[in-house]
Protein backbone atom coordinates (compact mmCIF):
# COMPACT_ATOMS: atom_id res chain seq x y z
CA GLU A 1 38.74 -17.47 8.77
CA ASP A 2 40.52 -18.70 5.64
CA LEU A 3 42.82 -15.67 5.57
CA GLU A 4 43.89 -16.28 9.14
CA LYS A 5 44.40 -19.98 8.50
CA PHE A 6 46.10 -19.89 5.08
CA GLY A 7 47.32 -16.30 4.65
CA GLY A 8 46.93 -14.24 1.50
CA ALA A 9 44.97 -11.11 0.77
CA THR A 10 41.38 -9.99 0.27
CA PHE A 11 40.26 -8.75 -3.13
CA MET A 12 36.97 -7.61 -4.66
CA SER A 13 36.84 -8.17 -8.41
CA GLU A 14 33.53 -6.55 -9.37
CA GLY A 15 31.15 -3.91 -8.17
CA LEU A 16 32.67 -0.52 -8.96
CA ALA A 17 31.62 0.03 -12.58
CA CYS A 18 29.34 2.86 -11.51
CA PRO A 19 27.75 5.29 -13.94
CA ASP A 20 28.44 8.96 -13.19
CA LYS A 21 25.00 9.46 -11.61
CA ALA A 22 25.82 6.77 -8.98
CA MET A 23 29.46 7.73 -8.33
CA GLU A 24 28.86 8.61 -4.69
CA GLU A 25 27.83 4.98 -4.14
CA CYS A 26 31.17 3.86 -5.63
CA ARG A 27 33.05 6.28 -3.37
CA ALA A 28 31.23 4.90 -0.34
CA VAL A 29 32.18 1.35 -1.34
CA GLU A 30 35.81 2.43 -1.89
CA ARG A 31 35.91 3.95 1.62
CA MET A 32 34.51 0.74 3.14
CA LEU A 33 37.06 -1.36 1.25
CA ASP A 34 39.86 0.96 2.41
CA ASP A 35 38.64 0.65 6.00
CA HIS A 36 39.25 -3.11 5.77
CA PHE A 37 42.39 -2.93 3.53
CA ILE A 38 40.65 -4.80 0.72
CA SER A 39 42.04 -4.37 -2.80
CA TYR A 40 39.64 -4.05 -5.71
CA THR A 41 39.27 -3.76 -9.45
CA ASP A 42 36.50 -3.81 -11.99
CA TYR A 43 36.30 -4.34 -15.70
CA GLY A 44 32.95 -2.71 -16.41
CA ASN A 45 31.63 -3.78 -19.78
CA SER A 46 35.06 -4.77 -21.09
CA GLN A 47 33.97 -8.31 -21.84
CA ASP A 48 31.99 -6.96 -24.80
CA GLU A 49 33.75 -3.72 -25.67
CA VAL A 50 36.67 -1.47 -24.83
CA TRP A 51 36.00 0.39 -21.61
CA ASN A 52 36.16 4.15 -22.06
CA PRO A 53 35.74 5.63 -18.59
CA THR A 54 34.28 9.09 -18.15
CA ASP A 55 36.39 11.82 -16.53
CA LEU A 56 34.46 11.32 -13.29
CA GLN A 57 35.10 7.57 -13.33
CA GLU A 58 38.84 8.14 -13.95
CA LYS A 59 38.98 10.68 -11.11
CA THR A 60 37.20 8.32 -8.73
CA TRP A 61 39.49 5.40 -9.60
CA ALA A 62 42.66 7.52 -9.32
CA ARG A 63 42.39 7.70 -5.54
CA VAL A 64 45.46 7.54 -3.34
CA TYR A 65 46.15 4.17 -1.74
CA ALA A 66 48.95 1.99 -0.38
CA ARG A 67 49.99 -0.57 -3.01
CA ALA A 68 52.35 -2.38 -0.67
CA ILE A 69 52.81 -2.02 3.08
CA ALA A 70 55.98 -3.16 4.84
CA GLY A 71 54.15 -4.08 8.02
CA GLN A 72 50.69 -4.41 9.53
CA PRO A 73 48.28 -1.63 8.49
CA THR A 74 46.06 -0.02 11.10
CA ASN A 75 44.51 2.90 9.17
CA MET A 76 44.27 4.10 5.57
CA THR A 77 42.12 7.10 4.70
CA PHE A 78 41.93 9.40 1.70
CA SER A 79 39.92 12.62 1.93
CA GLU A 80 38.95 12.98 -1.71
CA SER A 81 36.51 15.81 -1.03
CA ALA A 82 38.93 17.91 1.02
CA ALA A 83 40.75 20.72 -0.79
CA THR A 84 44.08 19.29 0.41
CA LYS A 85 43.26 15.68 -0.60
CA ASP A 86 44.84 14.38 2.62
CA PHE A 87 45.95 10.76 2.70
CA GLU A 88 46.91 9.00 5.90
CA LEU A 89 48.46 5.58 6.24
CA CYS A 90 49.28 4.18 9.67
CA PHE A 91 51.03 0.87 10.07
CA THR A 92 53.25 -1.05 12.42
CA PRO A 93 56.52 -1.59 10.52
CA ASP A 94 57.85 -5.12 10.11
CA THR A 95 61.64 -4.87 9.93
CA SER A 96 61.88 -8.33 8.37
CA ILE A 97 60.34 -6.90 5.18
CA ALA A 98 63.11 -5.45 3.01
CA GLU A 99 60.85 -3.87 0.37
CA PRO A 100 59.53 -0.33 0.85
CA THR A 101 55.96 0.71 1.45
CA GLU A 102 54.54 2.02 -1.83
CA ILE A 103 51.86 4.67 -2.02
CA PHE A 104 50.11 5.43 -5.32
CA LEU A 105 49.56 9.15 -5.90
CA GLY A 106 47.45 10.25 -8.84
CA THR A 107 48.86 13.67 -9.69
CA LYS A 108 46.67 14.09 -12.76
CA PHE A 109 43.50 14.25 -10.65
CA ASN A 110 44.46 14.70 -7.01
CA TYR A 111 47.64 16.76 -6.72
CA LYS A 112 47.66 19.08 -9.72
CA HIS A 113 49.87 21.55 -7.82
CA GLY A 114 52.17 18.94 -6.30
CA ALA A 115 52.16 17.46 -2.82
CA ALA A 116 54.14 17.61 0.39
CA VAL A 117 54.87 14.29 2.06
CA THR A 118 55.57 13.66 5.74
CA CYS A 119 56.50 10.45 7.50
CA GLY A 120 56.44 9.40 11.10
CA THR A 121 59.40 8.67 13.32
CA ASP A 122 62.05 6.28 11.96
CA LEU A 123 60.62 6.32 8.42
CA VAL A 124 62.14 7.99 5.39
CA CYS A 125 59.93 9.48 2.68
CA THR A 126 61.37 9.49 -0.82
CA PRO A 127 60.66 11.92 -2.35
CA ALA A 128 59.60 14.44 0.29
CA GLU A 129 57.76 16.51 -2.31
CA ILE A 130 55.90 15.51 -5.46
CA PRO A 131 56.11 18.16 -8.21
CA PRO A 132 52.99 19.25 -10.10
CA PRO A 133 52.35 17.29 -13.30
CA SER A 134 53.57 20.20 -15.45
CA GLU A 135 57.02 19.98 -13.80
CA SER A 136 57.19 16.21 -13.58
CA PRO A 137 59.28 14.25 -16.08
CA ARG A 138 56.26 11.96 -16.33
CA ARG A 139 54.07 14.90 -17.50
CA GLY A 140 51.09 14.35 -15.23
CA LEU A 141 51.11 10.60 -15.25
CA ASP A 142 50.62 9.01 -11.88
CA ASP A 143 53.59 9.04 -9.54
CA VAL A 144 54.55 6.49 -6.93
CA LEU A 145 55.89 7.50 -3.53
CA LEU A 146 58.21 5.09 -1.79
CA ALA A 147 58.37 5.42 1.96
């Protein structure tokens, strides 16, 4: 109700500091949050110590998602278990928004061999291909796709 009345965004600030043995629970929560376009973060035990995530935690958190959407989203799904790691974002564009839609791609964990990018009608994808981390000037750091 408040979002409709005042505007803004939804955000979950805790709940995803899962140990490796419970990572599937974290993935299920991430999928539910994606289904409702809810952003999230967690800080684990960082109030007492430096957080050193395991490889599995890093991989889980490096999922593909839309950071900014120039319109009204209708669907966002990431198939982390599929060999192709398909990501789909559907939205109704709002031409009054000048900024691009931004999609976070984690090449270090999800697209080690690069990725092909396709856009729907009347949208331009830049770049159309993401090189593998070994060929990227960022050397495997996470890339951002602007569409």
